[in-house]
Amino acid sequence: MFKTLMVAVAGLGLSVAVNAQELVEGQHYELLQSPVETHVEEGQIEVTEVFWFGCPHCYRLQEPINAWYETLEDDVSVEHMPATMGGDWNTHATAFYAAESLGIGDELHADFFNAIHQEDRSLTETDDIAAFFAEYGVSEEEAKQALTAFNVRSDVNKANSRMREMRLMGVPALVIDGRFVVTPSTAGSLDNMPQIAQALVEQVRAERTE
């Protein structure tokens, strides 16, 4: 199983302006030789954010990435996909999909990050996760049922398969249109990732109008 995080230059805090014409494969992004299937309607451009709640770099990415999401046009669809590398990664992926199944995923997403990285709560035990979910209007019993539900386990397995198809060795990562992979290493910093992703979105948009 993969062991390392993509953290080499994540802390540099650099920022660059890049347009679609300036993008260089292997420098700004990696191209998947076998594109992965996207989960959007025809005409939509998919942006998949691959993350782990326990990853400090994923947490630090939240501010710039959420600011970027607010600027996206209607033809761009964002999907959050938890990374699955075993252990606590899979526990948090299960929590993510359980929250989605209970209809509280959007509401608690940022708070789950904050609980781990600001409040020093690991949220790796079922009782602790259930108690956390109970703060969002569901009972702990409902939360525990969701955390062990077949559909949630299935979603975790699907995420694991998709992550392998994306050939990801760590997080955070942004995958554009099932083809282009942006990481802190290729972008040069966490702050650069949304800008590179935006340029790739523009590239995909231009390809579709040719």
N, C-alpha and C. Protein backbone atom coordinates (compact mmCIF):
# COMPACT_ATOMS: atom_id res chain seq x y z
N MET A 1 0.84 -1.20 0.00
CA MET A 1 0.00 0.00 0.00
C MET A 1 0.88 1.25 0.00
N PHE A 2 0.34 2.28 -0.59
CA PHE A 2 1.12 3.51 -0.67
C PHE A 2 1.38 4.06 0.73
N LYS A 3 2.55 4.62 0.96
CA LYS A 3 2.94 5.05 2.30
C LYS A 3 3.25 6.54 2.40
N THR A 4 3.62 7.17 1.31
CA THR A 4 4.15 8.53 1.42
C THR A 4 3.14 9.57 0.99
N LEU A 5 3.28 10.77 1.54
CA LEU A 5 2.47 11.91 1.16
C LEU A 5 3.24 12.79 0.20
N MET A 6 2.50 13.50 -0.63
CA MET A 6 3.15 14.46 -1.53
C MET A 6 3.32 15.77 -0.79
N VAL A 7 4.46 15.93 -0.16
CA VAL A 7 4.65 17.09 0.70
C VAL A 7 5.92 17.87 0.37
N ALA A 8 6.59 17.50 -0.69
CA ALA A 8 7.94 18.02 -0.94
C ALA A 8 8.01 19.54 -0.93
N VAL A 9 7.08 20.20 -1.62
CA VAL A 9 7.15 21.66 -1.69
C VAL A 9 5.87 22.30 -1.19
N ALA A 10 5.08 21.54 -0.47
CA ALA A 10 3.76 22.03 -0.08
C ALA A 10 3.83 23.25 0.81
N GLY A 11 4.92 23.44 1.50
CA GLY A 11 4.98 24.55 2.45
C GLY A 11 5.63 25.81 1.93
N LEU A 12 5.94 25.87 0.64
CA LEU A 12 6.67 27.02 0.13
C LEU A 12 5.85 28.29 0.09
N GLY A 13 4.52 28.14 -0.09
CA GLY A 13 3.66 29.31 -0.09
C GLY A 13 3.82 30.20 -1.30
N LEU A 14 4.37 29.66 -2.40
CA LEU A 14 4.54 30.44 -3.60
C LEU A 14 3.22 30.55 -4.35
N SER A 15 3.12 31.56 -5.21
CA SER A 15 1.91 31.72 -5.99
C SER A 15 2.29 32.18 -7.38
N VAL A 16 1.70 31.56 -8.40
CA VAL A 16 1.99 31.93 -9.77
C VAL A 16 0.70 32.09 -10.54
N ALA A 17 0.74 32.90 -11.58
CA ALA A 17 -0.39 33.05 -12.48
C ALA A 17 -0.08 32.26 -13.74
N VAL A 18 -0.92 31.30 -14.09
CA VAL A 18 -0.69 30.44 -15.24
C VAL A 18 -1.94 30.42 -16.09
N ASN A 19 -1.77 30.58 -17.40
CA ASN A 19 -2.93 30.42 -18.27
C ASN A 19 -2.79 29.11 -19.04
N ALA A 20 -3.85 28.73 -19.72
CA ALA A 20 -3.89 27.42 -20.37
C ALA A 20 -2.76 27.25 -21.38
N GLN A 21 -2.37 28.32 -22.05
CA GLN A 21 -1.33 28.23 -23.07
C GLN A 21 0.05 27.96 -22.48
N GLU A 22 0.23 28.28 -21.21
CA GLU A 22 1.54 28.13 -20.57
C GLU A 22 1.73 26.79 -19.88
N LEU A 23 0.70 25.99 -19.82
CA LEU A 23 0.79 24.72 -19.10
C LEU A 23 1.76 23.76 -19.78
N VAL A 24 2.55 23.10 -18.95
CA VAL A 24 3.53 22.13 -19.45
C VAL A 24 3.32 20.82 -18.72
N GLU A 25 3.06 19.75 -19.49
CA GLU A 25 2.91 18.43 -18.88
C GLU A 25 4.21 18.03 -18.19
N GLY A 26 4.10 17.51 -16.98
CA GLY A 26 5.27 17.12 -16.22
C GLY A 26 5.84 18.25 -15.39
N GLN A 27 5.43 19.46 -15.69
CA GLN A 27 5.88 20.62 -14.91
C GLN A 27 4.75 21.18 -14.06
N HIS A 28 3.58 21.37 -14.68
CA HIS A 28 2.43 21.90 -13.95
C HIS A 28 1.43 20.81 -13.56
N TYR A 29 1.45 19.71 -14.27
CA TYR A 29 0.49 18.63 -14.04
C TYR A 29 1.04 17.34 -14.62
N GLU A 30 0.42 16.24 -14.23
CA GLU A 30 0.71 14.95 -14.84
C GLU A 30 -0.51 14.50 -15.63
N LEU A 31 -0.28 13.86 -16.76
CA LEU A 31 -1.37 13.38 -17.61
C LEU A 31 -1.54 11.88 -17.43
N LEU A 32 -2.77 11.47 -17.09
CA LEU A 32 -3.04 10.04 -16.96
C LEU A 32 -3.07 9.40 -18.34
N GLN A 33 -2.31 8.34 -18.50
CA GLN A 33 -2.31 7.65 -19.79
C GLN A 33 -3.65 6.98 -20.08
N SER A 34 -4.31 6.56 -19.02
CA SER A 34 -5.65 5.99 -19.16
C SER A 34 -6.61 6.84 -18.33
N PRO A 35 -7.36 7.73 -18.96
CA PRO A 35 -8.28 8.60 -18.21
C PRO A 35 -9.28 7.78 -17.40
N VAL A 36 -9.66 8.32 -16.26
CA VAL A 36 -10.66 7.65 -15.42
C VAL A 36 -12.05 8.16 -15.79
N GLU A 37 -13.03 7.34 -15.55
CA GLU A 37 -14.41 7.73 -15.84
C GLU A 37 -14.82 8.88 -14.92
N THR A 38 -15.48 9.87 -15.49
CA THR A 38 -15.98 10.98 -14.68
C THR A 38 -17.43 10.72 -14.29
N HIS A 39 -17.89 11.45 -13.28
CA HIS A 39 -19.23 11.24 -12.73
C HIS A 39 -20.11 12.47 -12.91
N VAL A 40 -20.02 13.09 -14.07
CA VAL A 40 -20.77 14.31 -14.32
C VAL A 40 -21.63 14.17 -15.56
N GLU A 41 -22.60 15.06 -15.68
CA GLU A 41 -23.45 15.08 -16.85
C GLU A 41 -22.68 15.58 -18.06
N GLU A 42 -23.18 15.25 -19.24
CA GLU A 42 -22.54 15.69 -20.47
C GLU A 42 -22.42 17.22 -20.49
N GLY A 43 -21.24 17.69 -20.87
CA GLY A 43 -21.01 19.13 -20.91
C GLY A 43 -20.37 19.69 -19.67
N GLN A 44 -20.36 18.90 -18.58
CA GLN A 44 -19.75 19.34 -17.34
C GLN A 44 -18.27 18.96 -17.30
N ILE A 45 -17.48 19.76 -16.61
CA ILE A 45 -16.07 19.48 -16.39
C ILE A 45 -15.90 19.09 -14.92
N GLU A 46 -15.38 17.91 -14.69
CA GLU A 46 -15.25 17.41 -13.32
C GLU A 46 -13.92 17.80 -12.70
N VAL A 47 -13.98 18.31 -11.48
CA VAL A 47 -12.81 18.55 -10.65
C VAL A 47 -12.94 17.65 -9.43
N THR A 48 -12.03 16.71 -9.27
CA THR A 48 -12.07 15.80 -8.13
C THR A 48 -10.97 16.18 -7.15
N GLU A 49 -11.38 16.53 -5.94
CA GLU A 49 -10.43 16.84 -4.88
C GLU A 49 -10.22 15.58 -4.05
N VAL A 50 -9.02 15.05 -4.09
CA VAL A 50 -8.70 13.83 -3.33
C VAL A 50 -7.96 14.26 -2.07
N PHE A 51 -8.46 13.81 -0.92
CA PHE A 51 -7.97 14.31 0.36
C PHE A 51 -8.04 13.24 1.43
N TRP A 52 -7.38 13.52 2.54
CA TRP A 52 -7.55 12.76 3.78
C TRP A 52 -7.78 13.76 4.89
N PHE A 53 -8.82 13.54 5.68
CA PHE A 53 -9.12 14.47 6.77
C PHE A 53 -7.93 14.65 7.71
N GLY A 54 -7.11 13.62 7.87
CA GLY A 54 -5.99 13.70 8.81
C GLY A 54 -4.75 14.36 8.23
N CYS A 55 -4.77 14.71 6.97
CA CYS A 55 -3.59 15.27 6.31
C CYS A 55 -3.49 16.78 6.55
N PRO A 56 -2.40 17.26 7.16
CA PRO A 56 -2.27 18.70 7.43
C PRO A 56 -2.20 19.53 6.16
N HIS A 57 -1.67 18.97 5.10
CA HIS A 57 -1.57 19.71 3.84
C HIS A 57 -2.94 19.83 3.18
N CYS A 58 -3.74 18.79 3.29
CA CYS A 58 -5.13 18.87 2.80
C CYS A 58 -5.89 19.94 3.57
N TYR A 59 -5.63 20.00 4.86
CA TYR A 59 -6.29 21.00 5.70
C TYR A 59 -5.88 22.41 5.28
N ARG A 60 -4.59 22.61 5.04
CA ARG A 60 -4.10 23.93 4.66
C ARG A 60 -4.60 24.32 3.27
N LEU A 61 -4.90 23.33 2.44
CA LEU A 61 -5.41 23.62 1.10
C LEU A 61 -6.84 24.13 1.13
N GLN A 62 -7.56 23.86 2.21
CA GLN A 62 -8.99 24.17 2.22
C GLN A 62 -9.29 25.64 1.95
N GLU A 63 -8.53 26.54 2.53
CA GLU A 63 -8.83 27.96 2.33
C GLU A 63 -8.66 28.38 0.87
N PRO A 64 -7.52 28.12 0.23
CA PRO A 64 -7.41 28.53 -1.17
C PRO A 64 -8.32 27.75 -2.11
N ILE A 65 -8.53 26.48 -1.84
CA ILE A 65 -9.36 25.70 -2.76
C ILE A 65 -10.82 26.09 -2.66
N ASN A 66 -11.30 26.37 -1.46
CA ASN A 66 -12.69 26.79 -1.30
C ASN A 66 -12.94 28.17 -1.90
N ALA A 67 -11.93 29.04 -1.81
CA ALA A 67 -12.04 30.35 -2.45
C ALA A 67 -12.15 30.18 -3.96
N TRP A 68 -11.40 29.24 -4.52
CA TRP A 68 -11.47 28.97 -5.96
C TRP A 68 -12.83 28.39 -6.34
N TYR A 69 -13.33 27.45 -5.54
CA TYR A 69 -14.61 26.84 -5.86
C TYR A 69 -15.71 27.89 -6.00
N GLU A 70 -15.63 28.94 -5.23
CA GLU A 70 -16.65 29.98 -5.28
C GLU A 70 -16.63 30.75 -6.59
N THR A 71 -15.55 30.66 -7.34
CA THR A 71 -15.44 31.39 -8.60
C THR A 71 -15.78 30.53 -9.82
N LEU A 72 -16.01 29.24 -9.62
CA LEU A 72 -16.21 28.34 -10.74
C LEU A 72 -17.50 28.63 -11.49
N GLU A 73 -17.44 28.45 -12.79
CA GLU A 73 -18.63 28.64 -13.62
C GLU A 73 -19.53 27.41 -13.55
N ASP A 74 -20.72 27.55 -14.10
CA ASP A 74 -21.74 26.50 -13.94
C ASP A 74 -21.38 25.20 -14.64
N ASP A 75 -20.42 25.23 -15.57
CA ASP A 75 -20.08 24.00 -16.29
C ASP A 75 -19.02 23.18 -15.57
N VAL A 76 -18.66 23.59 -14.35
CA VAL A 76 -17.66 22.85 -13.57
C VAL A 76 -18.34 22.21 -12.36
N SER A 77 -18.10 20.92 -12.17
CA SER A 77 -18.68 20.18 -11.05
C SER A 77 -17.57 19.65 -10.16
N VAL A 78 -17.67 19.89 -8.86
CA VAL A 78 -16.64 19.48 -7.90
C VAL A 78 -17.07 18.21 -7.18
N GLU A 79 -16.17 17.25 -7.13
CA GLU A 79 -16.40 16.02 -6.36
C GLU A 79 -15.30 15.89 -5.32
N HIS A 80 -15.69 15.62 -4.09
CA HIS A 80 -14.72 15.33 -3.03
C HIS A 80 -14.58 13.81 -2.92
N MET A 81 -13.34 13.35 -2.93
CA MET A 81 -13.10 11.91 -2.82
C MET A 81 -12.05 11.64 -1.76
N PRO A 82 -12.43 10.97 -0.68
CA PRO A 82 -11.44 10.66 0.37
C PRO A 82 -10.46 9.60 -0.10
N ALA A 83 -9.19 9.79 0.26
CA ALA A 83 -8.17 8.82 -0.08
C ALA A 83 -8.30 7.59 0.81
N THR A 84 -7.95 6.44 0.27
CA THR A 84 -8.07 5.18 1.01
C THR A 84 -6.73 4.47 0.96
N MET A 85 -5.97 4.58 2.04
CA MET A 85 -4.67 3.94 2.12
C MET A 85 -4.57 3.04 3.36
N GLY A 86 -5.70 2.60 3.84
CA GLY A 86 -5.72 1.73 5.00
C GLY A 86 -5.77 2.49 6.31
N GLY A 87 -6.00 1.78 7.39
CA GLY A 87 -5.97 2.37 8.72
C GLY A 87 -6.90 3.56 8.88
N ASP A 88 -6.37 4.64 9.48
CA ASP A 88 -7.17 5.83 9.75
C ASP A 88 -7.68 6.49 8.48
N TRP A 89 -6.95 6.31 7.38
CA TRP A 89 -7.41 6.87 6.10
C TRP A 89 -8.78 6.27 5.74
N ASN A 90 -8.87 4.95 5.84
CA ASN A 90 -10.14 4.29 5.50
C ASN A 90 -11.23 4.61 6.51
N THR A 91 -10.85 4.76 7.78
CA THR A 91 -11.83 5.14 8.79
C THR A 91 -12.43 6.49 8.47
N HIS A 92 -11.59 7.44 8.08
CA HIS A 92 -12.09 8.77 7.73
C HIS A 92 -12.87 8.76 6.42
N ALA A 93 -12.46 7.90 5.48
CA ALA A 93 -13.23 7.76 4.24
C ALA A 93 -14.62 7.21 4.55
N THR A 94 -14.68 6.25 5.46
CA THR A 94 -15.97 5.71 5.88
C THR A 94 -16.82 6.79 6.52
N ALA A 95 -16.21 7.62 7.36
CA ALA A 95 -16.94 8.72 7.99
C ALA A 95 -17.47 9.68 6.94
N PHE A 96 -16.67 9.97 5.92
CA PHE A 96 -17.09 10.88 4.86
C PHE A 96 -18.34 10.35 4.16
N TYR A 97 -18.30 9.09 3.74
CA TYR A 97 -19.44 8.54 3.00
C TYR A 97 -20.64 8.29 3.90
N ALA A 98 -20.40 7.98 5.16
CA ALA A 98 -21.51 7.83 6.10
C ALA A 98 -22.22 9.17 6.29
N ALA A 99 -21.45 10.24 6.42
CA ALA A 99 -22.04 11.57 6.55
C ALA A 99 -22.83 11.93 5.31
N GLU A 100 -22.30 11.58 4.13
CA GLU A 100 -23.01 11.83 2.88
C GLU A 100 -24.34 11.09 2.87
N SER A 101 -24.32 9.84 3.30
CA SER A 101 -25.55 9.04 3.28
C SER A 101 -26.60 9.56 4.25
N LEU A 102 -26.15 10.24 5.30
CA LEU A 102 -27.07 10.81 6.29
C LEU A 102 -27.50 12.22 5.93
N GLY A 103 -26.96 12.76 4.84
CA GLY A 103 -27.34 14.09 4.40
C GLY A 103 -26.69 15.22 5.18
N ILE A 104 -25.59 14.92 5.88
CA ILE A 104 -24.92 15.96 6.68
C ILE A 104 -23.49 16.20 6.21
N GLY A 105 -23.14 15.64 5.05
CA GLY A 105 -21.77 15.72 4.58
C GLY A 105 -21.28 17.13 4.35
N ASP A 106 -22.07 17.92 3.62
CA ASP A 106 -21.66 19.30 3.32
C ASP A 106 -21.53 20.12 4.59
N GLU A 107 -22.46 19.89 5.51
CA GLU A 107 -22.51 20.69 6.73
C GLU A 107 -21.31 20.46 7.63
N LEU A 108 -20.86 19.21 7.72
CA LEU A 108 -19.79 18.91 8.69
C LEU A 108 -18.40 18.79 8.08
N HIS A 109 -18.29 18.89 6.75
CA HIS A 109 -17.00 18.66 6.08
C HIS A 109 -15.88 19.52 6.68
N ALA A 110 -16.09 20.82 6.70
CA ALA A 110 -15.05 21.72 7.23
C ALA A 110 -14.84 21.51 8.72
N ASP A 111 -15.92 21.23 9.44
CA ASP A 111 -15.82 21.03 10.89
C ASP A 111 -15.03 19.77 11.23
N PHE A 112 -15.14 18.74 10.39
CA PHE A 112 -14.39 17.51 10.61
C PHE A 112 -12.89 17.79 10.51
N PHE A 113 -12.51 18.55 9.49
CA PHE A 113 -11.12 18.99 9.36
C PHE A 113 -10.70 19.78 10.61
N ASN A 114 -11.53 20.74 11.00
CA ASN A 114 -11.17 21.61 12.13
C ASN A 114 -11.04 20.83 13.43
N ALA A 115 -11.92 19.86 13.62
CA ALA A 115 -11.88 19.07 14.85
C ALA A 115 -10.55 18.34 14.98
N ILE A 116 -10.03 17.85 13.86
CA ILE A 116 -8.76 17.12 13.88
C ILE A 116 -7.57 18.06 14.03
N HIS A 117 -7.57 19.15 13.27
CA HIS A 117 -6.37 19.97 13.17
C HIS A 117 -6.35 21.18 14.10
N GLN A 118 -7.50 21.55 14.61
CA GLN A 118 -7.54 22.66 15.57
C GLN A 118 -7.83 22.19 16.99
N GLU A 119 -8.66 21.14 17.11
CA GLU A 119 -9.08 20.68 18.43
C GLU A 119 -8.35 19.41 18.86
N ASP A 120 -7.46 18.90 17.99
CA ASP A 120 -6.66 17.72 18.32
C ASP A 120 -7.51 16.50 18.63
N ARG A 121 -8.60 16.34 17.88
CA ARG A 121 -9.45 15.16 18.01
C ARG A 121 -9.14 14.22 16.84
N SER A 122 -8.76 13.00 17.12
CA SER A 122 -8.35 12.10 16.05
C SER A 122 -9.55 11.61 15.23
N LEU A 123 -10.69 11.44 15.89
CA LEU A 123 -11.91 10.94 15.24
C LEU A 123 -11.65 9.67 14.44
N THR A 124 -11.04 8.71 15.11
CA THR A 124 -10.75 7.43 14.47
C THR A 124 -11.50 6.26 15.11
N GLU A 125 -12.25 6.54 16.19
CA GLU A 125 -13.03 5.50 16.84
C GLU A 125 -14.51 5.70 16.52
N THR A 126 -15.22 4.60 16.36
CA THR A 126 -16.63 4.67 15.97
C THR A 126 -17.45 5.51 16.94
N ASP A 127 -17.22 5.33 18.24
CA ASP A 127 -18.00 6.08 19.24
C ASP A 127 -17.73 7.58 19.11
N ASP A 128 -16.49 7.95 18.86
CA ASP A 128 -16.15 9.37 18.74
C ASP A 128 -16.76 9.98 17.48
N ILE A 129 -16.73 9.22 16.39
CA ILE A 129 -17.31 9.72 15.14
C ILE A 129 -18.82 9.84 15.29
N ALA A 130 -19.45 8.85 15.92
CA ALA A 130 -20.90 8.88 16.11
C ALA A 130 -21.30 10.07 16.98
N ALA A 131 -20.52 10.34 18.02
CA ALA A 131 -20.81 11.48 18.89
C ALA A 131 -20.65 12.79 18.11
N PHE A 132 -19.66 12.85 17.23
CA PHE A 132 -19.46 14.04 16.40
C PHE A 132 -20.65 14.22 15.46
N PHE A 133 -21.08 13.16 14.83
CA PHE A 133 -22.22 13.23 13.92
C PHE A 133 -23.48 13.69 14.66
N ALA A 134 -23.60 13.30 15.91
CA ALA A 134 -24.80 13.64 16.68
C ALA A 134 -24.95 15.15 16.86
N GLU A 135 -23.89 15.89 16.65
CA GLU A 135 -23.95 17.35 16.73
C GLU A 135 -24.66 17.95 15.52
N TYR A 136 -25.00 17.12 14.55
CA TYR A 136 -25.60 17.60 13.30
C TYR A 136 -27.01 17.03 13.08
N GLY A 137 -27.66 16.68 14.17
CA GLY A 137 -29.07 16.34 14.08
C GLY A 137 -29.39 14.88 13.83
N VAL A 138 -28.40 14.01 13.91
CA VAL A 138 -28.68 12.57 13.80
C VAL A 138 -28.34 11.92 15.13
N SER A 139 -28.96 10.79 15.41
CA SER A 139 -28.66 10.11 16.67
C SER A 139 -27.37 9.31 16.51
N GLU A 140 -26.74 9.00 17.64
CA GLU A 140 -25.53 8.20 17.59
C GLU A 140 -25.82 6.81 17.02
N GLU A 141 -27.01 6.30 17.30
CA GLU A 141 -27.39 4.99 16.75
C GLU A 141 -27.46 5.05 15.22
N GLU A 142 -28.09 6.11 14.70
CA GLU A 142 -28.16 6.28 13.24
C GLU A 142 -26.76 6.40 12.64
N ALA A 143 -25.90 7.14 13.34
CA ALA A 143 -24.54 7.33 12.85
C ALA A 143 -23.79 5.99 12.80
N LYS A 144 -23.91 5.19 13.84
CA LYS A 144 -23.21 3.91 13.87
C LYS A 144 -23.74 2.97 12.79
N GLN A 145 -25.03 3.01 12.54
CA GLN A 145 -25.60 2.19 11.47
C GLN A 145 -25.04 2.61 10.11
N ALA A 146 -24.93 3.92 9.91
CA ALA A 146 -24.39 4.42 8.64
C ALA A 146 -22.93 4.04 8.48
N LEU A 147 -22.17 4.07 9.57
CA LEU A 147 -20.74 3.77 9.51
C LEU A 147 -20.46 2.30 9.17
N THR A 148 -21.44 1.45 9.34
CA THR A 148 -21.26 0.03 9.03
C THR A 148 -22.16 -0.42 7.87
N ALA A 149 -22.82 0.52 7.21
CA ALA A 149 -23.76 0.18 6.15
C ALA A 149 -23.04 -0.35 4.91
N PHE A 150 -23.72 -1.25 4.21
CA PHE A 150 -23.14 -1.86 3.01
C PHE A 150 -22.84 -0.81 1.94
N ASN A 151 -23.76 0.13 1.74
CA ASN A 151 -23.55 1.14 0.70
C ASN A 151 -22.34 2.02 1.00
N VAL A 152 -22.09 2.27 2.28
CA VAL A 152 -20.92 3.08 2.66
C VAL A 152 -19.64 2.29 2.41
N ARG A 153 -19.63 1.03 2.79
CA ARG A 153 -18.45 0.19 2.50
C ARG A 153 -18.20 0.11 1.01
N SER A 154 -19.28 0.03 0.24
CA SER A 154 -19.16 -0.02 -1.21
C SER A 154 -18.54 1.26 -1.76
N ASP A 155 -18.97 2.40 -1.21
CA ASP A 155 -18.43 3.69 -1.66
C ASP A 155 -16.93 3.79 -1.35
N VAL A 156 -16.53 3.30 -0.19
CA VAL A 156 -15.11 3.32 0.17
C VAL A 156 -14.31 2.45 -0.80
N ASN A 157 -14.85 1.28 -1.14
CA ASN A 157 -14.16 0.40 -2.08
C ASN A 157 -14.05 1.04 -3.46
N LYS A 158 -15.11 1.73 -3.87
CA LYS A 158 -15.09 2.40 -5.18
C LYS A 158 -14.04 3.52 -5.19
N ALA A 159 -13.95 4.25 -4.08
CA ALA A 159 -12.95 5.31 -3.98
C ALA A 159 -11.54 4.71 -4.06
N ASN A 160 -11.35 3.57 -3.42
CA ASN A 160 -10.05 2.91 -3.45
C ASN A 160 -9.68 2.52 -4.88
N SER A 161 -10.65 1.96 -5.60
CA SER A 161 -10.39 1.56 -6.98
C SER A 161 -10.10 2.77 -7.86
N ARG A 162 -10.85 3.84 -7.64
CA ARG A 162 -10.67 5.04 -8.46
C ARG A 162 -9.32 5.69 -8.17
N MET A 163 -8.93 5.68 -6.92
CA MET A 163 -7.63 6.26 -6.56
C MET A 163 -6.49 5.50 -7.25
N ARG A 164 -6.62 4.19 -7.32
CA ARG A 164 -5.61 3.39 -8.00
C ARG A 164 -5.60 3.72 -9.49
N GLU A 165 -6.78 3.89 -10.08
CA GLU A 165 -6.87 4.25 -11.49
C GLU A 165 -6.21 5.60 -11.75
N MET A 166 -6.32 6.50 -10.77
CA MET A 166 -5.69 7.82 -10.89
C MET A 166 -4.20 7.78 -10.62
N ARG A 167 -3.71 6.63 -10.17
CA ARG A 167 -2.28 6.40 -9.91
C ARG A 167 -1.72 7.41 -8.90
N LEU A 168 -2.52 7.68 -7.89
CA LEU A 168 -2.12 8.66 -6.88
C LEU A 168 -1.25 8.01 -5.81
N MET A 169 -0.19 8.70 -5.46
CA MET A 169 0.74 8.22 -4.45
C MET A 169 0.58 8.99 -3.14
N GLY A 170 -0.33 9.92 -3.08
CA GLY A 170 -0.53 10.70 -1.87
C GLY A 170 -1.56 11.79 -2.09
N VAL A 171 -1.72 12.62 -1.11
CA VAL A 171 -2.69 13.70 -1.14
C VAL A 171 -2.06 14.96 -0.55
N PRO A 172 -2.62 16.14 -0.87
CA PRO A 172 -3.82 16.37 -1.67
C PRO A 172 -3.52 16.28 -3.16
N ALA A 173 -4.59 16.07 -3.93
CA ALA A 173 -4.48 16.04 -5.38
C ALA A 173 -5.79 16.54 -5.98
N LEU A 174 -5.67 17.18 -7.12
CA LEU A 174 -6.84 17.60 -7.89
C LEU A 174 -6.76 16.90 -9.24
N VAL A 175 -7.85 16.27 -9.64
CA VAL A 175 -7.90 15.58 -10.92
C VAL A 175 -8.95 16.28 -11.78
N ILE A 176 -8.51 16.81 -12.93
CA ILE A 176 -9.36 17.59 -13.80
C ILE A 176 -9.78 16.74 -15.00
N ASP A 177 -11.09 16.63 -15.20
CA ASP A 177 -11.66 15.93 -16.36
C ASP A 177 -11.19 14.48 -16.44
N GLY A 178 -10.86 13.88 -15.31
CA GLY A 178 -10.42 12.49 -15.30
C GLY A 178 -9.10 12.24 -15.98
N ARG A 179 -8.35 13.34 -16.30
CA ARG A 179 -7.12 13.19 -17.09
C ARG A 179 -5.91 13.87 -16.49
N PHE A 180 -6.09 15.05 -15.94
CA PHE A 180 -4.98 15.88 -15.50
C PHE A 180 -4.88 15.86 -13.97
N VAL A 181 -3.71 15.55 -13.46
CA VAL A 181 -3.49 15.43 -12.02
C VAL A 181 -2.59 16.57 -11.55
N VAL A 182 -3.08 17.34 -10.59
CA VAL A 182 -2.33 18.45 -10.02
C VAL A 182 -2.03 18.13 -8.56
N THR A 183 -0.77 18.23 -8.18
CA THR A 183 -0.35 17.97 -6.80
C THR A 183 0.50 19.14 -6.33
N PRO A 184 0.81 19.22 -5.03
CA PRO A 184 1.72 20.27 -4.57
C PRO A 184 3.07 20.23 -5.30
N SER A 185 3.54 19.03 -5.62
CA SER A 185 4.83 18.90 -6.30
C SER A 185 4.79 19.49 -7.71
N THR A 186 3.73 19.19 -8.47
CA THR A 186 3.66 19.70 -9.83
C THR A 186 3.30 21.18 -9.84
N ALA A 187 2.49 21.62 -8.90
CA ALA A 187 2.05 23.01 -8.88
C ALA A 187 3.10 23.95 -8.28
N GLY A 188 3.97 23.41 -7.45
CA GLY A 188 4.98 24.24 -6.80
C GLY A 188 4.63 24.65 -5.39
N SER A 189 3.36 24.58 -5.04
CA SER A 189 2.91 24.89 -3.68
C SER A 189 1.43 24.56 -3.58
N LEU A 190 0.91 24.55 -2.37
CA LEU A 190 -0.52 24.36 -2.18
C LEU A 190 -1.30 25.51 -2.81
N ASP A 191 -0.83 26.73 -2.61
CA ASP A 191 -1.55 27.90 -3.11
C ASP A 191 -1.65 27.91 -4.63
N ASN A 192 -0.68 27.30 -5.29
CA ASN A 192 -0.71 27.28 -6.75
C ASN A 192 -1.70 26.27 -7.33
N MET A 193 -2.09 25.28 -6.54
CA MET A 193 -2.91 24.19 -7.07
C MET A 193 -4.22 24.69 -7.70
N PRO A 194 -4.97 25.59 -7.05
CA PRO A 194 -6.20 26.07 -7.69
C PRO A 194 -5.94 26.80 -9.00
N GLN A 195 -4.83 27.54 -9.08
CA GLN A 195 -4.53 28.29 -10.30
C GLN A 195 -4.19 27.36 -11.46
N ILE A 196 -3.41 26.33 -11.19
CA ILE A 196 -3.12 25.34 -12.23
C ILE A 196 -4.40 24.62 -12.64
N ALA A 197 -5.21 24.26 -11.66
CA ALA A 197 -6.47 23.57 -11.95
C ALA A 197 -7.38 24.44 -12.80
N GLN A 198 -7.44 25.73 -12.49
CA GLN A 198 -8.27 26.64 -13.28
C GLN A 198 -7.79 26.71 -14.73
N ALA A 199 -6.48 26.76 -14.92
CA ALA A 199 -5.95 26.79 -16.28
C ALA A 199 -6.29 25.51 -17.03
N LEU A 200 -6.29 24.38 -16.32
CA LEU A 200 -6.66 23.11 -16.96
C LEU A 200 -8.14 23.07 -17.29
N VAL A 201 -8.96 23.63 -16.42
CA VAL A 201 -10.39 23.73 -16.72
C VAL A 201 -10.59 24.53 -18.01
N GLU A 202 -9.88 25.63 -18.13
CA GLU A 202 -9.98 26.46 -19.32
C GLU A 202 -9.50 25.70 -20.56
N GLN A 203 -8.47 24.88 -20.39
CA GLN A 203 -7.97 24.07 -21.50
C GLN A 203 -9.02 23.07 -21.96
N VAL A 204 -9.64 22.39 -21.00
CA VAL A 204 -10.69 21.43 -21.35
C VAL A 204 -11.85 22.14 -22.03
N ARG A 205 -12.22 23.28 -21.51
CA ARG A 205 -13.31 24.06 -22.11
C ARG A 205 -13.00 24.45 -23.55
N ALA A 206 -11.75 24.86 -23.77
CA ALA A 206 -11.34 25.24 -25.13
C ALA A 206 -11.35 24.04 -26.07
N GLU A 207 -10.89 22.88 -25.58
CA GLU A 207 -10.88 21.66 -26.40
C GLU A 207 -12.29 21.33 -26.88
N ARG A 208 -13.25 21.53 -26.03
CA ARG A 208 -14.63 21.14 -26.35
C ARG A 208 -15.32 22.09 -27.32
N THR A 209 -14.73 23.25 -27.52
CA THR A 209 -15.32 24.22 -28.44
C THR A 209 -14.61 24.23 -29.80
N GLU A 210 -13.55 23.42 -29.92
CA GLU A 210 -12.82 23.38 -31.19
C GLU A 210 -13.58 22.61 -32.25
